[in-house]
Amino acid sequence: GYWAALKAFSLAKSLSTGNSKSFLYKN
């Protein structure tokens, strides 16, 4: 659904900027 796509986009964005840890903490 929409939220799954949004989460996937956010994860990819975080990984591309090297903030994967921040992403995990936010969620």
N, C-alpha and C. Protein backbone atom coordinates (compact mmCIF):
# COMPACT_ATOMS: atom_id res chain seq x y z
N GLY A 1 0.81 -1.21 0.00
CA GLY A 1 0.00 0.00 0.00
C GLY A 1 0.84 1.26 0.00
N TYR A 2 0.19 2.36 0.22
CA TYR A 2 0.87 3.67 0.20
C TYR A 2 1.93 3.77 1.29
N TRP A 3 1.58 3.38 2.50
CA TRP A 3 2.53 3.52 3.61
C TRP A 3 3.76 2.64 3.41
N ALA A 4 3.56 1.45 2.85
CA ALA A 4 4.69 0.55 2.60
C ALA A 4 5.65 1.20 1.62
N ALA A 5 5.10 1.82 0.58
CA ALA A 5 5.93 2.49 -0.41
C ALA A 5 6.65 3.68 0.22
N LEU A 6 5.94 4.40 1.06
CA LEU A 6 6.52 5.56 1.72
C LEU A 6 7.67 5.14 2.62
N LYS A 7 7.47 4.06 3.36
CA LYS A 7 8.53 3.57 4.24
C LYS A 7 9.73 3.11 3.43
N ALA A 8 9.47 2.41 2.33
CA ALA A 8 10.55 1.92 1.48
C ALA A 8 11.35 3.10 0.92
N PHE A 9 10.64 4.15 0.52
CA PHE A 9 11.30 5.34 -0.01
C PHE A 9 12.15 6.00 1.06
N SER A 10 11.60 6.10 2.27
CA SER A 10 12.33 6.71 3.37
C SER A 10 13.59 5.91 3.70
N LEU A 11 13.46 4.58 3.66
CA LEU A 11 14.60 3.72 3.96
C LEU A 11 15.69 3.91 2.91
N ALA A 12 15.31 3.91 1.64
CA ALA A 12 16.27 4.10 0.56
C ALA A 12 16.94 5.45 0.68
N LYS A 13 16.16 6.47 1.02
CA LYS A 13 16.70 7.82 1.17
C LYS A 13 17.71 7.85 2.32
N SER A 14 17.36 7.19 3.43
CA SER A 14 18.24 7.16 4.58
C SER A 14 19.54 6.44 4.25
N LEU A 15 19.43 5.31 3.55
CA LEU A 15 20.62 4.54 3.20
C LEU A 15 21.51 5.33 2.25
N SER A 16 20.90 6.06 1.32
CA SER A 16 21.67 6.81 0.34
C SER A 16 22.44 7.94 1.00
N THR A 17 21.95 8.42 2.15
CA THR A 17 22.63 9.52 2.84
C THR A 17 23.42 9.01 4.03
N GLY A 18 23.43 7.67 4.23
CA GLY A 18 24.20 7.09 5.32
C GLY A 18 23.56 7.29 6.67
N ASN A 19 22.23 7.43 6.71
CA ASN A 19 21.54 7.63 7.98
C ASN A 19 20.63 6.46 8.31
N SER A 20 21.08 5.26 7.99
CA SER A 20 20.25 4.08 8.22
C SER A 20 19.94 3.91 9.70
N LYS A 21 20.90 4.25 10.56
CA LYS A 21 20.67 4.11 12.00
C LYS A 21 19.58 5.07 12.46
N SER A 22 19.59 6.28 11.95
CA SER A 22 18.56 7.24 12.31
C SER A 22 17.19 6.74 11.89
N PHE A 23 17.13 6.11 10.72
CA PHE A 23 15.87 5.57 10.22
C PHE A 23 15.35 4.49 11.18
N LEU A 24 16.25 3.62 11.62
CA LEU A 24 15.83 2.54 12.51
C LEU A 24 15.33 3.10 13.84
N TYR A 25 15.98 4.14 14.35
CA TYR A 25 15.56 4.72 15.62
C TYR A 25 14.22 5.43 15.49
N LYS A 26 13.99 6.10 14.37
CA LYS A 26 12.72 6.80 14.16
C LYS A 26 11.56 5.83 14.14
N ASN A 27 11.79 4.64 13.58
CA ASN A 27 10.70 3.69 13.45
C ASN A 27 10.79 2.62 14.52
